[in-house]
Amino acid sequence: MARGWESKSVEAQMEEAADARRSPRGEALTPEQLEKVREKGNLTLSRKRVQHELDHSSSPRYAKLLKKSIRELDRRLKELG
């Protein structure tokens, strides 16, 4: 049973990757556009990780640093559009 779930997950990831290489109109994206999509995904993932750390942080100093990191990630995401 677990093996079937793994293959479905891999298949879904492959489909997502193929979709990411296409624009909303179904056209292939340029290398620059693909890089922008990848960077936005990386920033979004980083923000989720930092938010998770902030949610579980008990140190006020560390929480302050994490909030600053979130602001910077938000700024960079906004730049990407």
N, C-alpha and C. Protein backbone atom coordinates (compact mmCIF):
# COMPACT_ATOMS: atom_id res chain seq x y z
N MET A 1 0.82 -1.18 0.00
CA MET A 1 0.00 0.00 0.00
C MET A 1 0.87 1.26 0.00
N ALA A 2 1.88 1.29 0.85
CA ALA A 2 2.74 2.47 0.93
C ALA A 2 3.45 2.72 -0.39
N ARG A 3 3.79 1.66 -1.07
CA ARG A 3 4.49 1.81 -2.33
C ARG A 3 3.61 2.51 -3.36
N GLY A 4 2.35 2.21 -3.38
CA GLY A 4 1.43 2.87 -4.30
C GLY A 4 1.33 4.36 -4.02
N TRP A 5 1.32 4.72 -2.75
CA TRP A 5 1.26 6.14 -2.39
C TRP A 5 2.52 6.86 -2.86
N GLU A 6 3.69 6.19 -2.70
CA GLU A 6 4.94 6.81 -3.14
C GLU A 6 4.92 7.08 -4.63
N SER A 7 4.49 6.11 -5.41
CA SER A 7 4.50 6.29 -6.85
C SER A 7 3.50 7.37 -7.27
N LYS A 8 2.38 7.46 -6.58
CA LYS A 8 1.42 8.51 -6.88
C LYS A 8 1.99 9.87 -6.54
N SER A 9 2.74 9.95 -5.44
CA SER A 9 3.35 11.20 -5.05
C SER A 9 4.38 11.63 -6.09
N VAL A 10 5.20 10.70 -6.54
CA VAL A 10 6.20 11.00 -7.56
C VAL A 10 5.52 11.43 -8.85
N GLU A 11 4.46 10.75 -9.22
CA GLU A 11 3.72 11.09 -10.42
C GLU A 11 3.13 12.50 -10.31
N ALA A 12 2.58 12.83 -9.16
CA ALA A 12 2.02 14.17 -8.95
C ALA A 12 3.12 15.23 -9.02
N GLN A 13 4.29 14.94 -8.45
CA GLN A 13 5.40 15.88 -8.51
C GLN A 13 5.86 16.10 -9.94
N MET A 14 5.88 15.04 -10.73
CA MET A 14 6.29 15.16 -12.13
C MET A 14 5.29 16.00 -12.91
N GLU A 15 4.01 15.82 -12.64
CA GLU A 15 2.98 16.62 -13.30
C GLU A 15 3.09 18.09 -12.91
N GLU A 16 3.35 18.35 -11.61
CA GLU A 16 3.52 19.73 -11.16
C GLU A 16 4.71 20.38 -11.84
N ALA A 17 5.80 19.64 -11.98
CA ALA A 17 6.99 20.18 -12.63
C ALA A 17 6.69 20.51 -14.09
N ALA A 18 5.95 19.65 -14.75
CA ALA A 18 5.59 19.91 -16.15
C ALA A 18 4.68 21.13 -16.25
N ASP A 19 3.75 21.26 -15.32
CA ASP A 19 2.86 22.42 -15.31
C ASP A 19 3.62 23.71 -15.03
N ALA A 20 4.64 23.64 -14.18
CA ALA A 20 5.42 24.82 -13.83
C ALA A 20 6.20 25.34 -15.03
N ARG A 21 6.46 24.47 -16.00
CA ARG A 21 7.21 24.89 -17.19
C ARG A 21 6.32 25.52 -18.24
N ARG A 22 5.04 25.63 -17.94
CA ARG A 22 4.10 26.21 -18.89
C ARG A 22 3.45 27.45 -18.29
N SER A 23 3.14 28.39 -19.15
CA SER A 23 2.45 29.59 -18.70
C SER A 23 0.97 29.25 -18.53
N PRO A 24 0.18 30.15 -17.94
CA PRO A 24 -1.25 29.88 -17.78
C PRO A 24 -1.94 29.60 -19.12
N ARG A 25 -1.39 30.11 -20.21
CA ARG A 25 -2.01 29.88 -21.53
C ARG A 25 -1.51 28.60 -22.18
N GLY A 26 -0.64 27.85 -21.48
CA GLY A 26 -0.16 26.58 -22.00
C GLY A 26 1.12 26.70 -22.81
N GLU A 27 1.69 27.89 -22.90
CA GLU A 27 2.93 28.07 -23.65
C GLU A 27 4.12 27.71 -22.77
N ALA A 28 5.21 27.28 -23.39
CA ALA A 28 6.42 26.97 -22.64
C ALA A 28 7.02 28.27 -22.11
N LEU A 29 7.55 28.22 -20.89
CA LEU A 29 8.16 29.39 -20.28
C LEU A 29 9.61 29.52 -20.71
N THR A 30 10.10 30.74 -20.72
CA THR A 30 11.50 30.99 -21.05
C THR A 30 12.36 30.57 -19.85
N PRO A 31 13.65 30.38 -20.06
CA PRO A 31 14.52 30.05 -18.92
C PRO A 31 14.47 31.10 -17.81
N GLU A 32 14.34 32.36 -18.18
CA GLU A 32 14.27 33.43 -17.18
C GLU A 32 12.98 33.31 -16.36
N GLN A 33 11.88 33.00 -17.04
CA GLN A 33 10.61 32.84 -16.34
C GLN A 33 10.64 31.62 -15.42
N LEU A 34 11.27 30.53 -15.89
CA LEU A 34 11.39 29.34 -15.06
C LEU A 34 12.21 29.63 -13.81
N GLU A 35 13.29 30.39 -13.97
CA GLU A 35 14.12 30.75 -12.82
C GLU A 35 13.32 31.58 -11.82
N LYS A 36 12.49 32.47 -12.31
CA LYS A 36 11.65 33.30 -11.44
C LYS A 36 10.66 32.42 -10.67
N VAL A 37 10.07 31.44 -11.35
CA VAL A 37 9.13 30.53 -10.70
C VAL A 37 9.85 29.72 -9.62
N ARG A 38 11.04 29.23 -9.95
CA ARG A 38 11.82 28.46 -8.97
C ARG A 38 12.19 29.31 -7.76
N GLU A 39 12.65 30.52 -8.01
CA GLU A 39 13.06 31.39 -6.91
C GLU A 39 11.86 31.72 -6.01
N LYS A 40 10.72 31.98 -6.63
CA LYS A 40 9.52 32.27 -5.84
C LYS A 40 9.14 31.06 -4.99
N GLY A 41 9.24 29.88 -5.55
CA GLY A 41 8.95 28.66 -4.78
C GLY A 41 9.91 28.47 -3.63
N ASN A 42 11.20 28.73 -3.89
CA ASN A 42 12.20 28.61 -2.83
C ASN A 42 11.96 29.61 -1.71
N LEU A 43 11.64 30.85 -2.08
CA LEU A 43 11.37 31.88 -1.08
C LEU A 43 10.13 31.54 -0.26
N THR A 44 9.11 31.04 -0.93
CA THR A 44 7.87 30.67 -0.24
C THR A 44 8.13 29.54 0.75
N LEU A 45 8.90 28.56 0.32
CA LEU A 45 9.24 27.44 1.20
C LEU A 45 10.08 27.92 2.39
N SER A 46 11.02 28.81 2.14
CA SER A 46 11.84 29.37 3.22
C SER A 46 10.97 30.13 4.22
N ARG A 47 10.02 30.89 3.69
CA ARG A 47 9.15 31.67 4.57
C ARG A 47 8.33 30.74 5.46
N LYS A 48 7.83 29.65 4.89
CA LYS A 48 7.06 28.69 5.69
C LYS A 48 7.91 28.09 6.79
N ARG A 49 9.16 27.77 6.47
CA ARG A 49 10.07 27.19 7.45
C ARG A 49 10.36 28.18 8.58
N VAL A 50 10.64 29.42 8.21
CA VAL A 50 10.93 30.45 9.22
C VAL A 50 9.70 30.71 10.07
N GLN A 51 8.52 30.74 9.46
CA GLN A 51 7.28 30.94 10.22
C GLN A 51 7.08 29.80 11.22
N HIS A 52 7.37 28.59 10.78
CA HIS A 52 7.24 27.43 11.68
C HIS A 52 8.20 27.57 12.86
N GLU A 53 9.43 27.98 12.58
CA GLU A 53 10.40 28.18 13.66
C GLU A 53 9.93 29.28 14.61
N LEU A 54 9.37 30.34 14.05
CA LEU A 54 8.86 31.44 14.88
C LEU A 54 7.72 30.96 15.77
N ASP A 55 6.84 30.16 15.21
CA ASP A 55 5.70 29.64 15.98
C ASP A 55 6.16 28.78 17.16
N HIS A 56 7.32 28.17 17.04
CA HIS A 56 7.80 27.26 18.08
C HIS A 56 8.99 27.82 18.86
N SER A 57 9.28 29.08 18.68
CA SER A 57 10.41 29.72 19.35
C SER A 57 10.02 30.16 20.76
N SER A 58 10.95 29.96 21.69
CA SER A 58 10.70 30.42 23.06
C SER A 58 11.62 31.58 23.44
N SER A 59 12.57 31.90 22.57
CA SER A 59 13.51 32.97 22.84
C SER A 59 13.06 34.27 22.17
N PRO A 60 12.85 35.33 22.95
CA PRO A 60 12.44 36.61 22.35
C PRO A 60 13.47 37.15 21.34
N ARG A 61 14.75 36.96 21.63
CA ARG A 61 15.79 37.45 20.71
C ARG A 61 15.75 36.68 19.39
N TYR A 62 15.57 35.37 19.48
CA TYR A 62 15.49 34.56 18.27
C TYR A 62 14.22 34.89 17.49
N ALA A 63 13.12 35.10 18.20
CA ALA A 63 11.86 35.46 17.56
C ALA A 63 12.00 36.78 16.81
N LYS A 64 12.72 37.73 17.39
CA LYS A 64 12.95 39.01 16.73
C LYS A 64 13.72 38.82 15.43
N LEU A 65 14.74 37.97 15.47
CA LEU A 65 15.52 37.66 14.27
C LEU A 65 14.66 36.98 13.21
N LEU A 66 13.82 36.06 13.64
CA LEU A 66 12.94 35.36 12.69
C LEU A 66 11.94 36.32 12.05
N LYS A 67 11.41 37.25 12.82
CA LYS A 67 10.46 38.23 12.27
C LYS A 67 11.15 39.11 11.22
N LYS A 68 12.39 39.47 11.50
CA LYS A 68 13.16 40.25 10.53
C LYS A 68 13.37 39.44 9.25
N SER A 69 13.65 38.16 9.40
CA SER A 69 13.83 37.28 8.24
C SER A 69 12.55 37.18 7.42
N ILE A 70 11.42 37.08 8.09
CA ILE A 70 10.13 37.00 7.40
C ILE A 70 9.87 38.28 6.61
N ARG A 71 10.18 39.42 7.22
CA ARG A 71 9.99 40.70 6.50
C ARG A 71 10.85 40.74 5.24
N GLU A 72 12.08 40.28 5.35
CA GLU A 72 12.97 40.26 4.19
C GLU A 72 12.47 39.30 3.12
N LEU A 73 12.02 38.13 3.51
CA LEU A 73 11.47 37.17 2.54
C LEU A 73 10.21 37.73 1.87
N ASP A 74 9.36 38.39 2.65
CA ASP A 74 8.16 39.02 2.08
C ASP A 74 8.54 40.10 1.07
N ARG A 75 9.57 40.88 1.40
CA ARG A 75 10.02 41.93 0.48
C ARG A 75 10.50 41.32 -0.83
N ARG A 76 11.28 40.26 -0.72
CA ARG A 76 11.80 39.62 -1.94
C ARG A 76 10.69 38.96 -2.75
N LEU A 77 9.71 38.38 -2.07
CA LEU A 77 8.57 37.80 -2.78
C LEU A 77 7.76 38.87 -3.50
N LYS A 78 7.61 40.02 -2.85
CA LYS A 78 6.87 41.12 -3.46
C LYS A 78 7.60 41.62 -4.72
N GLU A 79 8.93 41.67 -4.66
CA GLU A 79 9.72 42.08 -5.83
C GLU A 79 9.50 41.16 -7.02
N LEU A 80 9.36 39.87 -6.73
CA LEU A 80 9.16 38.89 -7.81
C LEU A 80 7.77 38.98 -8.41
N GLY A 81 6.84 39.52 -7.63
CA GLY A 81 5.48 39.69 -8.15
C GLY A 81 4.58 38.57 -7.92
